[in-house]
Amino acid sequence: ISVKSTNVEKESEGNFLEIFQGPSLKAFIIGGGLVLFQQITGQPSVLYHAGPILQSTGFSAAADATLVSTIIGLFKLLMTRIAVAKVADLGSRPLLNGGVSGIALSLLLLAAYYKFLGGFPLVAVAALLLYVGCYQASILSFLLTALLFFIHGLGKGISLAILTNFGSNAIVTLAFSPLRELIGADNLFLLFGAIALSSLLFIALYVPETKGLSLEEIESKILN
């Protein structure tokens, strides 16, 4: 029994290590890169801090800010459902590019609000709504990751991508407030916006279009 267990363990370790080899490594770079960019563009922190951001725009009562935050959350759910419904028709890359571009614009608008548009609170509200409306980029990241690892080591590959997601989420969440104190909200959102713009280059270079393709054709795109 112990020999059998050891063999299973070695096989499991070997399968896990295969994620970092050949086509599986390329799949992880694409999937892991997408979920990493999803988090380091400040996505968790912007949504977690929507209430305080709204209060800073002139919502005097915490209850008012909380109500608007709830509306934003429902809007996010609606836009995510629309993105999932449309991905088969429009393709993953157009939706990813559109979503990330909108996120970058919204972050730059938040930076501008804190920098020199403080007298126009609707700019911050519009930026938050745009940010949430483009949240489809996050769900598409997971859909693409699942599809890529369906071809190359589904279970362990997705587990590692999820670990990357939650690890980077925790880092960004913990670093948000200290960075905001250190460099200011305007520069922090400007930094997030710059990262979002750089993720567009990552998508252009590495992320294949999957619309209308078989698994074999997607695999060929990854290999090439």
Protein backbone atom coordinates (compact mmCIF):
# COMPACT_ATOMS: atom_id res chain seq x y z
CA ILE A 1 0.00 0.00 0.00
CA SER A 2 2.80 2.38 0.90
CA VAL A 3 4.59 1.70 -2.42
CA LYS A 4 1.37 2.37 -4.31
CA SER A 5 0.83 5.62 -2.39
CA THR A 6 4.37 6.72 -3.16
CA ASN A 7 3.89 6.03 -6.86
CA VAL A 8 0.65 8.02 -6.90
CA GLU A 9 2.38 10.87 -5.10
CA LYS A 10 5.26 10.90 -7.58
CA GLU A 11 2.82 10.81 -10.48
CA SER A 12 0.92 13.72 -8.96
CA GLU A 13 4.13 15.72 -8.53
CA GLY A 14 5.14 14.97 -12.09
CA ASN A 15 1.79 16.08 -13.44
CA PHE A 16 2.04 19.31 -11.46
CA LEU A 17 5.54 20.03 -12.75
CA GLU A 18 4.30 19.52 -16.31
CA ILE A 19 2.44 22.82 -15.95
CA PHE A 20 5.84 24.54 -16.20
CA GLN A 21 6.86 22.75 -19.38
CA GLY A 22 6.10 23.19 -23.07
CA PRO A 23 2.55 24.08 -24.12
CA SER A 24 1.27 23.86 -20.53
CA LEU A 25 3.71 26.60 -19.50
CA LYS A 26 2.44 28.79 -22.34
CA ALA A 27 -1.13 28.12 -21.22
CA PHE A 28 -0.22 29.10 -17.65
CA ILE A 29 1.54 32.28 -18.81
CA ILE A 30 -1.63 33.30 -20.63
CA GLY A 31 -4.13 32.25 -17.95
CA GLY A 32 -2.01 33.24 -14.96
CA GLY A 33 -1.06 36.51 -16.64
CA LEU A 34 -4.69 37.42 -17.24
CA VAL A 35 -5.78 36.80 -13.64
CA LEU A 36 -2.66 38.57 -12.35
CA PHE A 37 -3.36 41.69 -14.41
CA GLN A 38 -6.98 41.47 -13.30
CA GLN A 39 -5.89 41.98 -9.70
CA ILE A 40 -2.91 44.35 -10.01
CA THR A 41 -5.00 46.89 -11.90
CA GLY A 42 -6.53 47.51 -8.46
CA GLN A 43 -9.76 45.70 -9.19
CA PRO A 44 -10.32 44.35 -5.65
CA SER A 45 -9.35 47.57 -3.92
CA VAL A 46 -11.38 49.90 -6.13
CA LEU A 47 -14.53 47.84 -5.53
CA TYR A 48 -13.82 47.29 -1.82
CA HIS A 49 -13.27 51.02 -1.34
CA ALA A 50 -16.19 52.19 -3.48
CA GLY A 51 -18.02 53.45 -0.35
CA PRO A 52 -15.16 55.66 0.91
CA ILE A 53 -14.49 56.89 -2.63
CA LEU A 54 -18.13 57.91 -2.98
CA GLN A 55 -18.10 59.60 0.43
CA SER A 56 -15.10 61.63 -0.69
CA THR A 57 -17.15 62.88 -3.66
CA GLY A 58 -19.74 64.48 -1.42
CA PHE A 59 -22.03 61.72 -0.15
CA SER A 60 -22.28 62.96 3.41
CA ALA A 61 -23.84 59.89 4.98
CA ALA A 62 -22.24 56.49 4.99
CA ALA A 63 -25.69 55.03 4.30
CA ASP A 64 -25.90 56.99 1.03
CA ALA A 65 -22.50 55.76 -0.08
CA THR A 66 -23.42 52.19 0.89
CA LEU A 67 -26.63 52.40 -1.16
CA VAL A 68 -24.76 53.56 -4.23
CA SER A 69 -22.14 50.83 -3.64
CA THR A 70 -24.97 48.27 -3.63
CA ILE A 71 -26.32 49.66 -6.90
CA ILE A 72 -22.81 49.44 -8.37
CA GLY A 73 -22.58 45.80 -7.25
CA LEU A 74 -25.88 44.95 -8.96
CA PHE A 75 -24.73 46.76 -12.09
CA LYS A 76 -21.53 44.67 -12.03
CA LEU A 77 -23.59 41.48 -11.85
CA LEU A 78 -25.73 42.58 -14.80
CA MET A 79 -22.73 43.47 -16.98
CA THR A 80 -21.01 40.19 -16.13
CA ARG A 81 -24.08 38.23 -17.26
CA ILE A 82 -24.16 40.20 -20.51
CA ALA A 83 -20.46 39.51 -21.13
CA VAL A 84 -20.88 35.77 -20.59
CA ALA A 85 -23.88 35.74 -22.94
CA LYS A 86 -22.03 37.63 -25.68
CA VAL A 87 -18.60 35.98 -25.57
CA ALA A 88 -19.61 33.27 -28.06
CA ASP A 89 -20.86 35.86 -30.57
CA LEU A 90 -18.18 38.54 -30.20
CA GLY A 91 -15.15 36.48 -29.21
CA SER A 92 -12.93 36.70 -26.17
CA ARG A 93 -10.30 39.16 -27.41
CA PRO A 94 -12.68 41.98 -28.41
CA LEU A 95 -14.46 41.74 -25.05
CA LEU A 96 -11.15 41.57 -23.18
CA ASN A 97 -9.75 44.56 -25.07
CA GLY A 98 -12.94 46.54 -24.58
CA GLY A 99 -13.16 45.66 -20.90
CA VAL A 100 -9.53 46.43 -20.10
CA SER A 101 -9.64 49.67 -22.12
CA GLY A 102 -12.69 50.77 -20.13
CA ILE A 103 -10.98 49.86 -16.86
CA ALA A 104 -7.89 51.86 -17.86
CA LEU A 105 -10.02 54.89 -18.78
CA SER A 106 -11.98 54.70 -15.53
CA LEU A 107 -8.77 54.53 -13.47
CA LEU A 108 -7.33 57.52 -15.31
CA LEU A 109 -10.59 59.40 -14.65
CA LEU A 110 -10.31 58.59 -10.93
CA ALA A 111 -6.72 59.83 -10.99
CA ALA A 112 -7.86 63.04 -12.71
CA TYR A 113 -10.66 63.48 -10.16
CA TYR A 114 -8.25 63.29 -7.23
CA LYS A 115 -5.64 65.39 -9.08
CA PHE A 116 -7.58 68.37 -10.42
CA LEU A 117 -11.29 67.55 -10.88
CA GLY A 118 -12.25 67.45 -7.21
CA GLY A 119 -15.04 69.93 -7.83
CA PHE A 120 -16.80 67.51 -10.16
CA PRO A 121 -17.92 64.51 -8.05
CA LEU A 122 -19.93 63.06 -10.92
CA VAL A 123 -16.61 62.29 -12.62
CA ALA A 124 -15.76 59.84 -9.81
CA VAL A 125 -19.25 58.30 -9.89
CA ALA A 126 -19.09 57.91 -13.68
CA ALA A 127 -15.59 56.40 -13.39
CA LEU A 128 -16.79 53.83 -10.85
CA LEU A 129 -19.77 52.89 -13.04
CA LEU A 130 -17.48 52.55 -16.06
CA TYR A 131 -15.07 50.45 -14.01
CA VAL A 132 -17.85 48.11 -12.93
CA GLY A 133 -19.39 48.03 -16.40
CA CYS A 134 -16.09 46.76 -17.78
CA TYR A 135 -15.74 44.10 -15.09
CA GLN A 136 -16.43 41.48 -17.74
CA ALA A 137 -12.66 41.33 -18.26
CA SER A 138 -12.35 39.44 -14.98
CA ILE A 139 -14.89 36.70 -15.76
CA LEU A 140 -13.44 36.31 -19.26
CA SER A 141 -10.00 35.79 -17.71
CA PHE A 142 -11.32 32.79 -15.81
CA LEU A 143 -13.25 31.44 -18.80
CA LEU A 144 -10.15 31.59 -20.97
CA THR A 145 -7.99 30.05 -18.24
CA ALA A 146 -10.44 27.15 -17.86
CA LEU A 147 -10.51 26.64 -21.63
CA LEU A 148 -6.71 26.67 -21.93
CA PHE A 149 -6.25 24.17 -19.14
CA PHE A 150 -9.00 21.95 -20.50
CA ILE A 151 -6.38 21.24 -23.13
CA HIS A 152 -3.38 21.16 -20.77
CA GLY A 153 -3.82 19.77 -17.25
CA LEU A 154 -7.17 21.24 -16.24
CA GLY A 155 -7.29 20.67 -12.48
CA LYS A 156 -3.80 21.60 -11.38
CA GLY A 157 -3.48 24.40 -13.92
CA ILE A 158 -6.67 26.10 -12.79
CA SER A 159 -5.70 25.58 -9.13
CA LEU A 160 -2.42 27.39 -9.73
CA ALA A 161 -4.18 30.19 -11.61
CA ILE A 162 -6.68 30.58 -8.75
CA LEU A 163 -3.78 30.68 -6.27
CA THR A 164 -2.21 33.43 -8.38
CA ASN A 165 -5.53 35.28 -8.38
CA PHE A 166 -6.12 35.19 -4.63
CA GLY A 167 -2.45 35.78 -3.79
CA SER A 168 -2.26 38.93 -5.91
CA ASN A 169 -5.71 39.97 -4.60
CA ALA A 170 -4.42 39.81 -1.03
CA ILE A 171 -1.24 41.73 -1.88
CA VAL A 172 -3.12 44.53 -3.66
CA THR A 173 -5.74 44.75 -0.91
CA LEU A 174 -3.13 44.99 1.84
CA ALA A 175 -0.97 47.44 -0.11
CA PHE A 176 -3.80 49.75 -1.23
CA SER A 177 -4.16 51.90 1.90
CA PRO A 178 -0.40 52.22 2.63
CA LEU A 179 0.29 53.14 -1.01
CA ARG A 180 -2.56 55.65 -0.96
CA GLU A 181 -1.02 57.31 2.09
CA LEU A 182 2.47 57.19 0.57
CA ILE A 183 1.91 58.48 -2.97
CA GLY A 184 -1.65 59.84 -2.84
CA ALA A 185 -4.88 58.56 -4.37
CA ASP A 186 -4.26 60.39 -7.65
CA ASN A 187 -0.88 58.77 -8.28
CA LEU A 188 -2.12 55.37 -7.09
CA PHE A 189 -5.00 55.33 -9.58
CA LEU A 190 -2.61 56.63 -12.25
CA LEU A 191 -0.34 53.66 -11.49
CA PHE A 192 -3.26 51.23 -11.73
CA GLY A 193 -4.27 52.84 -15.03
CA ALA A 194 -0.76 52.43 -16.44
CA ILE A 195 -0.78 48.74 -15.46
CA ALA A 196 -4.16 48.31 -17.17
CA LEU A 197 -2.77 49.85 -20.36
CA SER A 198 0.23 47.51 -20.23
CA SER A 199 -2.15 44.55 -19.94
CA LEU A 200 -3.53 45.50 -23.37
CA LEU A 201 -0.07 44.81 -24.78
CA PHE A 202 -0.04 41.44 -22.99
CA ILE A 203 -3.40 40.54 -24.55
CA ALA A 204 -2.20 41.59 -28.01
CA LEU A 205 0.98 39.51 -27.74
CA TYR A 206 -0.15 36.38 -25.94
CA VAL A 207 -3.91 35.86 -25.78
CA PRO A 208 -5.35 33.87 -28.70
CA GLU A 209 -8.80 34.43 -30.12
CA THR A 210 -10.97 31.40 -29.40
CA LYS A 211 -14.12 32.32 -31.33
CA GLY A 212 -15.22 29.51 -33.61
CA LEU A 213 -12.09 27.44 -32.98
CA SER A 214 -11.82 23.80 -31.95
CA LEU A 215 -9.63 22.75 -29.03
CA GLU A 216 -7.00 21.53 -31.50
CA GLU A 217 -6.95 24.90 -33.28
CA ILE A 218 -6.63 26.75 -29.96
CA GLU A 219 -3.75 24.46 -28.99
CA SER A 220 -2.06 25.19 -32.32
CA LYS A 221 -2.39 28.92 -31.68
CA ILE A 222 -0.78 28.54 -28.25
CA LEU A 223 2.10 26.51 -29.66
CA ASN A 224 2.70 29.07 -32.41
